[in-house]
Amino acid sequence: MILKGLAGMYLLYALVMIWVHPQFIYPFGDAPFSNPQFESVQLAETHAHLQVYDGADDAPAVLYFMGNGGALAYFQQNLSVHTDADRTLVALEYPGGGGILGTPSEVLLKAQALAAYDYLSEQHDGAIVVHGYSLGTGLALYVASARAVDAVILDAPYARMCDLMTAASWLPACYLPGVQRWNSLAFIDQINAPVLISHGTADTLIPLKEGMRLAQEMERAQVAVTVAELPGATHHDLISNSAYRHQMRNLFDSLR
């Protein structure tokens, strides 16, 4: 009877977590994006909200996908890595954050990510780089698997987010129905561009082993991948690391 009771409680816990898990994946905030250097663009079909910086025509353009904390307004320092170099930049604002209406989901964000790429490719004739941070690394890899890109930048990436959910919840999240899995490993065989992975050695939110696992699978698939292990860097201070900007410059110099 005790075992049956425990099993019943565990099943109830699993059902509740399936229902509420999107709240843990998308803890967005209401802060609106405000920067006079950017123009707001909304795409009709997917209702994707973009922030667009018009940079130099002869520089590669960047499609940026933020993490899941707060709103795009909190990622302006990340965006400045590209605007300071005068690269054309398109950043996707996620529904449910920054005052953007809508309910975020893996399916919706991936559809909006492709729409954002299509918009950028119509505006820019040169090289396009997709750049994702944390949650956004899954979108960057998804776009790179479905569209022609010239390079992929992944900051603090995961291999499968559902594995992180499993570790946090003691539930087999990758196998539960209705769970948004965010499986980046599924796209590796379709990547045809060089990849730069930057990951802090002190990252406790998405551990370095996640980035290394992703890199190992890329090497197996013969994807050209460079891993920058940033000593002492955490999940939230990658761009403050001098090696981070050095690796970024090397990547963009190689595209020229």
C-alpha atoms as a PDB file:
ATOM      1  CA  MET A   1       0.000   0.000   0.000  1.00  0.00           C
ATOM      2  CA  ILE A   2       2.833   2.381   0.827  1.00  0.00           C
ATOM      3  CA  LEU A   3       4.511   1.719  -2.522  1.00  0.00           C
ATOM      4  CA  LYS A   4       1.234   2.251  -4.376  1.00  0.00           C
ATOM      5  CA  GLY A   5       0.720   5.493  -2.510  1.00  0.00           C
ATOM      6  CA  LEU A   6       4.217   6.708  -3.367  1.00  0.00           C
ATOM      7  CA  ALA A   7       3.743   5.701  -6.998  1.00  0.00           C
ATOM      8  CA  GLY A   8       0.482   7.608  -7.103  1.00  0.00           C
ATOM      9  CA  MET A   9       2.101  10.709  -5.631  1.00  0.00           C
ATOM     10  CA  TYR A  10       4.960  10.487  -8.137  1.00  0.00           C
ATOM     11  CA  LEU A  11       2.495  10.185 -11.017  1.00  0.00           C
ATOM     12  CA  LEU A  12       0.573  13.202  -9.757  1.00  0.00           C
ATOM     13  CA  TYR A  13       3.829  15.140  -9.435  1.00  0.00           C
ATOM     14  CA  ALA A  14       4.719  14.214 -13.029  1.00  0.00           C
ATOM     15  CA  LEU A  15       1.343  15.392 -14.329  1.00  0.00           C
ATOM     16  CA  VAL A  16       1.644  18.697 -12.478  1.00  0.00           C
ATOM     17  CA  MET A  17       5.166  19.279 -13.802  1.00  0.00           C
ATOM     18  CA  ILE A  18       4.093  18.540 -17.379  1.00  0.00           C
ATOM     19  CA  TRP A  19       1.403  21.170 -16.957  1.00  0.00           C
ATOM     20  CA  VAL A  20       3.571  23.869 -15.390  1.00  0.00           C
ATOM     21  CA  HIS A  21       7.006  23.235 -16.928  1.00  0.00           C
ATOM     22  CA  PRO A  22       6.695  26.040 -19.533  1.00  0.00           C
ATOM     23  CA  GLN A  23       6.695  28.527 -16.648  1.00  0.00           C
ATOM     24  CA  PHE A  24      10.190  27.341 -15.749  1.00  0.00           C
ATOM     25  CA  ILE A  25      11.430  27.447 -19.358  1.00  0.00           C
ATOM     26  CA  TYR A  26      10.057  30.931 -20.085  1.00  0.00           C
ATOM     27  CA  PRO A  27      10.348  33.125 -16.974  1.00  0.00           C
ATOM     28  CA  PHE A  28       9.966  36.298 -18.989  1.00  0.00           C
ATOM     29  CA  GLY A  29       9.716  39.854 -17.676  1.00  0.00           C
ATOM     30  CA  ASP A  30       7.740  42.888 -18.824  1.00  0.00           C
ATOM     31  CA  ALA A  31      10.566  45.386 -19.428  1.00  0.00           C
ATOM     32  CA  PRO A  32      10.082  46.898 -22.910  1.00  0.00           C
ATOM     33  CA  PHE A  33      13.025  47.191 -25.291  1.00  0.00           C
ATOM     34  CA  SER A  34      14.093  50.789 -25.791  1.00  0.00           C
ATOM     35  CA  ASN A  35      17.117  51.783 -27.850  1.00  0.00           C
ATOM     36  CA  PRO A  36      17.065  54.596 -30.447  1.00  0.00           C
ATOM     37  CA  GLN A  37      19.655  52.753 -32.533  1.00  0.00           C
ATOM     38  CA  PHE A  38      17.114  50.017 -33.275  1.00  0.00           C
ATOM     39  CA  GLU A  39      13.941  49.938 -35.351  1.00  0.00           C
ATOM     40  CA  SER A  40      11.016  47.745 -34.275  1.00  0.00           C
ATOM     41  CA  VAL A  41       9.609  45.466 -36.971  1.00  0.00           C
ATOM     42  CA  GLN A  42       6.653  43.096 -36.697  1.00  0.00           C
ATOM     43  CA  LEU A  43       6.196  40.291 -39.202  1.00  0.00           C
ATOM     44  CA  ALA A  44       2.610  39.658 -40.241  1.00  0.00           C
ATOM     45  CA  GLU A  45       2.411  35.892 -40.689  1.00  0.00           C
ATOM     46  CA  THR A  46       4.108  34.713 -37.480  1.00  0.00           C
ATOM     47  CA  HIS A  47       3.642  37.945 -35.471  1.00  0.00           C
ATOM     48  CA  ALA A  48       7.361  37.866 -34.745  1.00  0.00           C
ATOM     49  CA  HIS A  49       8.660  41.055 -33.125  1.00  0.00           C
ATOM     50  CA  LEU A  50      12.139  42.063 -34.240  1.00  0.00           C
ATOM     51  CA  GLN A  51      14.579  44.739 -33.174  1.00  0.00           C
ATOM     52  CA  VAL A  52      16.728  45.786 -36.124  1.00  0.00           C
ATOM     53  CA  TYR A  53      20.036  47.646 -36.168  1.00  0.00           C
ATOM     54  CA  ASP A  54      21.176  48.802 -39.616  1.00  0.00           C
ATOM     55  CA  GLY A  55      24.932  48.355 -39.777  1.00  0.00           C
ATOM     56  CA  ALA A  56      27.620  48.442 -42.455  1.00  0.00           C
ATOM     57  CA  ASP A  57      26.693  46.825 -45.759  1.00  0.00           C
ATOM     58  CA  ASP A  58      30.077  45.135 -46.151  1.00  0.00           C
ATOM     59  CA  ALA A  59      30.008  43.425 -42.738  1.00  0.00           C
ATOM     60  CA  PRO A  60      28.314  40.102 -41.945  1.00  0.00           C
ATOM     61  CA  ALA A  61      24.825  40.447 -40.511  1.00  0.00           C
ATOM     62  CA  VAL A  62      23.830  38.755 -37.257  1.00  0.00           C
ATOM     63  CA  LEU A  63      20.579  37.102 -36.250  1.00  0.00           C
ATOM     64  CA  TYR A  64      20.488  37.066 -32.433  1.00  0.00           C
ATOM     65  CA  PHE A  65      18.451  34.835 -30.135  1.00  0.00           C
ATOM     66  CA  MET A  66      18.514  35.751 -26.443  1.00  0.00           C
ATOM     67  CA  GLY A  67      18.270  33.552 -23.362  1.00  0.00           C
ATOM     68  CA  ASN A  68      15.123  32.931 -21.386  1.00  0.00           C
ATOM     69  CA  GLY A  69      15.676  35.367 -18.520  1.00  0.00           C
ATOM     70  CA  GLY A  70      13.595  38.533 -18.520  1.00  0.00           C
ATOM     71  CA  ALA A  71      13.283  40.278 -21.890  1.00  0.00           C
ATOM     72  CA  LEU A  72      15.454  41.544 -24.730  1.00  0.00           C
ATOM     73  CA  ALA A  73      15.876  44.812 -22.814  1.00  0.00           C
ATOM     74  CA  TYR A  74      18.173  42.922 -20.422  1.00  0.00           C
ATOM     75  CA  PHE A  75      20.463  41.765 -23.247  1.00  0.00           C
ATOM     76  CA  GLN A  76      21.582  45.123 -24.606  1.00  0.00           C
ATOM     77  CA  GLN A  77      25.189  44.536 -23.535  1.00  0.00           C
ATOM     78  CA  ASN A  78      25.131  41.298 -25.521  1.00  0.00           C
ATOM     79  CA  LEU A  79      23.760  43.134 -28.544  1.00  0.00           C
ATOM     80  CA  SER A  80      26.471  45.793 -28.258  1.00  0.00           C
ATOM     81  CA  VAL A  81      29.091  43.167 -29.130  1.00  0.00           C
ATOM     82  CA  HIS A  82      27.746  43.450 -32.672  1.00  0.00           C
ATOM     83  CA  THR A  83      26.483  47.039 -32.833  1.00  0.00           C
ATOM     84  CA  ASP A  84      29.857  48.317 -31.602  1.00  0.00           C
ATOM     85  CA  ALA A  85      31.361  46.559 -34.630  1.00  0.00           C
ATOM     86  CA  ASP A  86      28.652  48.118 -36.842  1.00  0.00           C
ATOM     87  CA  ARG A  87      27.211  44.784 -37.907  1.00  0.00           C
ATOM     88  CA  THR A  88      23.629  44.694 -39.093  1.00  0.00           C
ATOM     89  CA  LEU A  89      21.726  42.972 -36.311  1.00  0.00           C
ATOM     90  CA  VAL A  90      18.249  41.454 -36.051  1.00  0.00           C
ATOM     91  CA  ALA A  91      17.157  40.289 -32.592  1.00  0.00           C
ATOM     92  CA  LEU A  92      13.975  38.334 -31.942  1.00  0.00           C
ATOM     93  CA  GLU A  93      11.800  39.394 -29.011  1.00  0.00           C
ATOM     94  CA  TYR A  94      10.052  36.427 -27.457  1.00  0.00           C
ATOM     95  CA  PRO A  95       6.264  36.468 -26.986  1.00  0.00           C
ATOM     96  CA  GLY A  96       5.332  36.715 -23.345  1.00  0.00           C
ATOM     97  CA  GLY A  97       8.278  38.996 -22.520  1.00  0.00           C
ATOM     98  CA  GLY A  98       9.004  42.686 -22.941  1.00  0.00           C
ATOM     99  CA  GLY A  99       5.331  43.497 -23.306  1.00  0.00           C
ATOM    100  CA  ILE A 100       5.026  41.276 -26.404  1.00  0.00           C
ATOM    101  CA  LEU A 101       1.678  39.489 -26.508  1.00  0.00           C
ATOM    102  CA  GLY A 102       1.507  35.729 -26.964  1.00  0.00           C
ATOM    103  CA  THR A 103       2.297  32.480 -25.223  1.00  0.00           C
ATOM    104  CA  PRO A 104       5.837  31.213 -25.806  1.00  0.00           C
ATOM    105  CA  SER A 105       6.430  27.643 -26.905  1.00  0.00           C
ATOM    106  CA  GLU A 106       9.146  25.706 -28.677  1.00  0.00           C
ATOM    107  CA  VAL A 107       7.020  25.409 -31.828  1.00  0.00           C
ATOM    108  CA  LEU A 108       6.147  29.118 -31.946  1.00  0.00           C
ATOM    109  CA  LEU A 109       9.664  30.353 -31.237  1.00  0.00           C
ATOM    110  CA  LYS A 110      11.133  28.134 -33.942  1.00  0.00           C
ATOM    111  CA  ALA A 111       8.593  29.387 -36.487  1.00  0.00           C
ATOM    112  CA  GLN A 112       9.374  32.987 -35.553  1.00  0.00           C
ATOM    113  CA  ALA A 113      13.117  32.303 -35.706  1.00  0.00           C
ATOM    114  CA  LEU A 114      12.828  31.109 -39.316  1.00  0.00           C
ATOM    115  CA  ALA A 115      10.672  34.119 -40.184  1.00  0.00           C
ATOM    116  CA  ALA A 116      13.312  36.392 -38.652  1.00  0.00           C
ATOM    117  CA  TYR A 117      16.006  34.758 -40.800  1.00  0.00           C
ATOM    118  CA  ASP A 118      13.892  35.158 -43.934  1.00  0.00           C
ATOM    119  CA  TYR A 119      13.373  38.834 -43.136  1.00  0.00           C
ATOM    120  CA  LEU A 120      17.109  39.402 -42.627  1.00  0.00           C
ATOM    121  CA  SER A 121      18.070  37.519 -45.786  1.00  0.00           C
ATOM    122  CA  GLU A 122      15.749  39.778 -47.801  1.00  0.00           C
ATOM    123  CA  GLN A 123      17.388  42.893 -46.352  1.00  0.00           C
ATOM    124  CA  HIS A 124      21.020  41.783 -46.439  1.00  0.00           C
ATOM    125  CA  ASP A 125      22.969  40.396 -49.395  1.00  0.00           C
ATOM    126  CA  GLY A 126      26.094  39.370 -47.519  1.00  0.00           C
ATOM    127  CA  ALA A 127      27.051  36.755 -44.962  1.00  0.00           C
ATOM    128  CA  ILE A 128      24.619  35.882 -42.169  1.00  0.00           C
ATOM    129  CA  VAL A 129      25.693  34.606 -38.759  1.00  0.00           C
ATOM    130  CA  VAL A 130      23.228  33.152 -36.250  1.00  0.00           C
ATOM    131  CA  HIS A 131      24.090  33.848 -32.621  1.00  0.00           C
ATOM    132  CA  GLY A 132      22.289  32.241 -29.704  1.00  0.00           C
ATOM    133  CA  TYR A 133      22.709  32.475 -25.960  1.00  0.00           C
ATOM    134  CA  SER A 134      21.429  29.832 -23.514  1.00  0.00           C
ATOM    135  CA  LEU A 135      17.836  29.052 -24.591  1.00  0.00           C
ATOM    136  CA  GLY A 136      18.556  30.869 -27.859  1.00  0.00           C
ATOM    137  CA  THR A 137      21.278  28.390 -28.843  1.00  0.00           C
ATOM    138  CA  GLY A 138      18.522  25.908 -29.698  1.00  0.00           C
ATOM    139  CA  LEU A 139      16.974  28.464 -32.043  1.00  0.00           C
ATOM    140  CA  ALA A 140      20.335  29.279 -33.622  1.00  0.00           C
ATOM    141  CA  LEU A 141      21.024  25.629 -34.381  1.00  0.00           C
ATOM    142  CA  TYR A 142      17.483  25.089 -35.655  1.00  0.00           C
ATOM    143  CA  VAL A 143      17.800  27.999 -38.091  1.00  0.00           C
ATOM    144  CA  ALA A 144      21.264  26.827 -39.194  1.00  0.00           C
ATOM    145  CA  SER A 145      19.833  23.385 -39.935  1.00  0.00           C
ATOM    146  CA  ALA A 146      17.015  24.794 -42.091  1.00  0.00           C
ATOM    147  CA  ARG A 147      18.587  27.827 -43.764  1.00  0.00           C
ATOM    148  CA  ALA A 148      21.918  28.779 -45.331  1.00  0.00           C
ATOM    149  CA  VAL A 149      24.130  30.515 -42.764  1.00  0.00           C
ATOM    150  CA  ASP A 150      27.815  31.376 -42.811  1.00  0.00           C
ATOM    151  CA  ALA A 151      28.593  30.714 -39.148  1.00  0.00           C
ATOM    152  CA  VAL A 152      26.953  29.758 -35.862  1.00  0.00           C
ATOM    153  CA  ILE A 153      27.810  31.265 -32.462  1.00  0.00           C
ATOM    154  CA  LEU A 154      26.604  29.413 -29.372  1.00  0.00           C
ATOM    155  CA  ASP A 155      27.036  30.947 -25.911  1.00  0.00           C
ATOM    156  CA  ALA A 156      26.491  28.548 -22.986  1.00  0.00           C
ATOM    157  CA  PRO A 157      24.589  25.966 -25.058  1.00  0.00           C
ATOM    158  CA  TYR A 158      22.803  22.813 -23.970  1.00  0.00           C
ATOM    159  CA  ALA A 159      22.670  19.496 -25.789  1.00  0.00           C
ATOM    160  CA  ARG A 160      19.104  18.664 -24.739  1.00  0.00           C
ATOM    161  CA  MET A 161      17.234  20.954 -22.388  1.00  0.00           C
ATOM    162  CA  CYS A 162      15.023  18.077 -21.328  1.00  0.00           C
ATOM    163  CA  ASP A 163      18.115  16.430 -19.795  1.00  0.00           C
ATOM    164  CA  LEU A 164      18.567  19.518 -17.617  1.00  0.00           C
ATOM    165  CA  MET A 165      14.899  19.266 -16.674  1.00  0.00           C
ATOM    166  CA  THR A 166      15.439  15.631 -15.709  1.00  0.00           C
ATOM    167  CA  ALA A 167      18.323  16.533 -13.417  1.00  0.00           C
ATOM    168  CA  ALA A 168      16.290  19.284 -11.768  1.00  0.00           C
ATOM    169  CA  SER A 169      12.981  17.431 -11.391  1.00  0.00           C
ATOM    170  CA  TRP A 170      13.849  13.712 -11.018  1.00  0.00           C
ATOM    171  CA  LEU A 171      11.460  13.033 -13.896  1.00  0.00           C
ATOM    172  CA  PRO A 172      12.305  11.431 -17.297  1.00  0.00           C
ATOM    173  CA  ALA A 173      11.486  14.720 -19.025  1.00  0.00           C
ATOM    174  CA  CYS A 174      12.810  13.675 -22.452  1.00  0.00           C
ATOM    175  CA  TYR A 175      10.247  10.872 -22.604  1.00  0.00           C
ATOM    176  CA  LEU A 176       7.177  12.466 -21.030  1.00  0.00           C
ATOM    177  CA  PRO A 177       4.344  13.437 -23.382  1.00  0.00           C
ATOM    178  CA  GLY A 178       3.707  17.145 -23.756  1.00  0.00           C
ATOM    179  CA  VAL A 179       7.178  18.235 -22.637  1.00  0.00           C
ATOM    180  CA  GLN A 180       8.963  20.834 -24.751  1.00  0.00           C
ATOM    181  CA  ARG A 181      12.267  19.020 -25.196  1.00  0.00           C
ATOM    182  CA  TRP A 182      14.536  21.531 -26.950  1.00  0.00           C
ATOM    183  CA  ASN A 183      16.788  18.839 -28.388  1.00  0.00           C
ATOM    184  CA  SER A 184      19.707  20.564 -30.108  1.00  0.00           C
ATOM    185  CA  LEU A 185      21.393  17.257 -30.901  1.00  0.00           C
ATOM    186  CA  ALA A 186      18.660  16.570 -33.463  1.00  0.00           C
ATOM    187  CA  PHE A 187      19.953  19.291 -35.810  1.00  0.00           C
ATOM    188  CA  ILE A 188      23.679  18.632 -35.850  1.00  0.00           C
ATOM    189  CA  ASP A 189      23.707  16.477 -38.977  1.00  0.00           C
ATOM    190  CA  GLN A 190      22.149  19.353 -40.939  1.00  0.00           C
ATOM    191  CA  ILE A 191      24.717  21.992 -39.930  1.00  0.00           C
ATOM    192  CA  ASN A 192      26.978  23.080 -42.793  1.00  0.00           C
ATOM    193  CA  ALA A 193      28.678  26.120 -41.270  1.00  0.00           C
ATOM    194  CA  PRO A 194      31.524  26.610 -38.781  1.00  0.00           C
ATOM    195  CA  VAL A 195      30.424  26.749 -35.142  1.00  0.00           C
ATOM    196  CA  LEU A 196      31.950  28.698 -32.242  1.00  0.00           C
ATOM    197  CA  ILE A 197      30.952  27.504 -28.751  1.00  0.00           C
ATOM    198  CA  SER A 198      31.819  29.721 -25.779  1.00  0.00           C
ATOM    199  CA  HIS A 199      31.186  28.280 -22.328  1.00  0.00           C
ATOM    200  CA  GLY A 200      32.258  29.338 -18.860  1.00  0.00           C
ATOM    201  CA  THR A 201      34.016  26.816 -16.673  1.00  0.00           C
ATOM    202  CA  ALA A 202      32.061  28.108 -13.644  1.00  0.00           C
ATOM    203  CA  ASP A 203      28.648  27.886 -15.307  1.00  0.00           C
ATOM    204  CA  THR A 204      26.328  26.079 -12.881  1.00  0.00           C
ATOM    205  CA  LEU A 205      23.068  26.779 -14.737  1.00  0.00           C
ATOM    206  CA  ILE A 206      24.107  25.023 -17.964  1.00  0.00           C
ATOM    207  CA  PRO A 207      27.346  23.201 -17.088  1.00  0.00           C
ATOM    208  CA  LEU A 208      30.332  23.158 -19.405  1.00  0.00           C
ATOM    209  CA  LYS A 209      29.790  19.438 -20.000  1.00  0.00           C
ATOM    210  CA  GLU A 210      26.654  20.343 -21.992  1.00  0.00           C
ATOM    211  CA  GLY A 211      28.650  22.459 -24.418  1.00  0.00           C
ATOM    212  CA  MET A 212      31.336  19.791 -24.646  1.00  0.00           C
ATOM    213  CA  ARG A 213      28.743  17.110 -25.373  1.00  0.00           C
ATOM    214  CA  LEU A 214      27.367  19.248 -28.183  1.00  0.00           C
ATOM    215  CA  ALA A 215      30.864  19.829 -29.559  1.00  0.00           C
ATOM    216  CA  GLN A 216      31.716  16.129 -29.475  1.00  0.00           C
ATOM    217  CA  GLU A 217      28.590  15.296 -31.458  1.00  0.00           C
ATOM    218  CA  MET A 218      29.486  18.011 -33.973  1.00  0.00           C
ATOM    219  CA  GLU A 219      32.960  16.582 -34.394  1.00  0.00           C
ATOM    220  CA  ARG A 220      31.409  13.167 -34.967  1.00  0.00           C
ATOM    221  CA  ALA A 221      29.230  14.709 -37.684  1.00  0.00           C
ATOM    222  CA  GLN A 222      32.320  16.453 -39.158  1.00  0.00           C
ATOM    223  CA  VAL A 223      31.044  19.936 -38.338  1.00  0.00           C
ATOM    224  CA  ALA A 224      33.861  22.479 -37.990  1.00  0.00           C
ATOM    225  CA  VAL A 225      33.542  23.449 -34.327  1.00  0.00           C
ATOM    226  CA  THR A 226      35.732  25.579 -32.070  1.00  0.00           C
ATOM    227  CA  VAL A 227      35.243  25.467 -28.300  1.00  0.00           C
ATOM    228  CA  ALA A 228      36.321  28.403 -26.153  1.00  0.00           C
ATOM    229  CA  GLU A 229      36.397  27.363 -22.493  1.00  0.00           C
ATOM    230  CA  LEU A 230      36.356  30.608 -20.525  1.00  0.00           C
ATOM    231  CA  PRO A 231      38.105  30.118 -17.142  1.00  0.00           C
ATOM    232  CA  GLY A 232      36.040  31.333 -14.207  1.00  0.00           C
ATOM    233  CA  ALA A 233      33.184  32.580 -16.351  1.00  0.00           C
ATOM    234  CA  THR A 234      29.638  31.864 -15.193  1.00  0.00           C
ATOM    235  CA  HIS A 235      26.415  31.641 -17.165  1.00  0.00           C
ATOM    236  CA  HIS A 236      25.846  35.386 -16.909  1.00  0.00           C
ATOM    237  CA  ASP A 237      29.218  37.057 -17.499  1.00  0.00           C
ATOM    238  CA  LEU A 238      30.594  35.485 -20.667  1.00  0.00           C
ATOM    239  CA  ILE A 239      30.822  38.764 -22.565  1.00  0.00           C
ATOM    240  CA  SER A 240      32.941  40.300 -19.800  1.00  0.00           C
ATOM    241  CA  ASN A 241      35.662  37.770 -20.548  1.00  0.00           C
ATOM    242  CA  SER A 242      38.395  39.126 -22.842  1.00  0.00           C
ATOM    243  CA  ALA A 243      38.819  35.720 -24.482  1.00  0.00           C
ATOM    244  CA  TYR A 244      35.152  35.803 -25.478  1.00  0.00           C
ATOM    245  CA  ARG A 245      35.528  38.942 -27.567  1.00  0.00           C
ATOM    246  CA  HIS A 246      38.843  37.693 -28.968  1.00  0.00           C
ATOM    247  CA  GLN A 247      37.227  34.494 -30.270  1.00  0.00           C
ATOM    248  CA  MET A 248      34.353  36.541 -31.678  1.00  0.00           C
ATOM    249  CA  ARG A 249      36.721  38.813 -33.593  1.00  0.00           C
ATOM    250  CA  ASN A 250      38.579  35.817 -34.991  1.00  0.00           C
ATOM    251  CA  LEU A 251      35.363  34.324 -36.281  1.00  0.00           C
ATOM    252  CA  PHE A 252      34.231  37.472 -38.045  1.00  0.00           C
ATOM    253  CA  ASP A 253      37.695  38.132 -39.436  1.00  0.00           C
ATOM    254  CA  SER A 254      37.622  34.673 -40.997  1.00  0.00           C
ATOM    255  CA  LEU A 255      34.331  35.497 -42.731  1.00  0.00           C
ATOM    256  CA  ARG A 256      35.871  38.520 -44.415  1.00  0.00           C
END
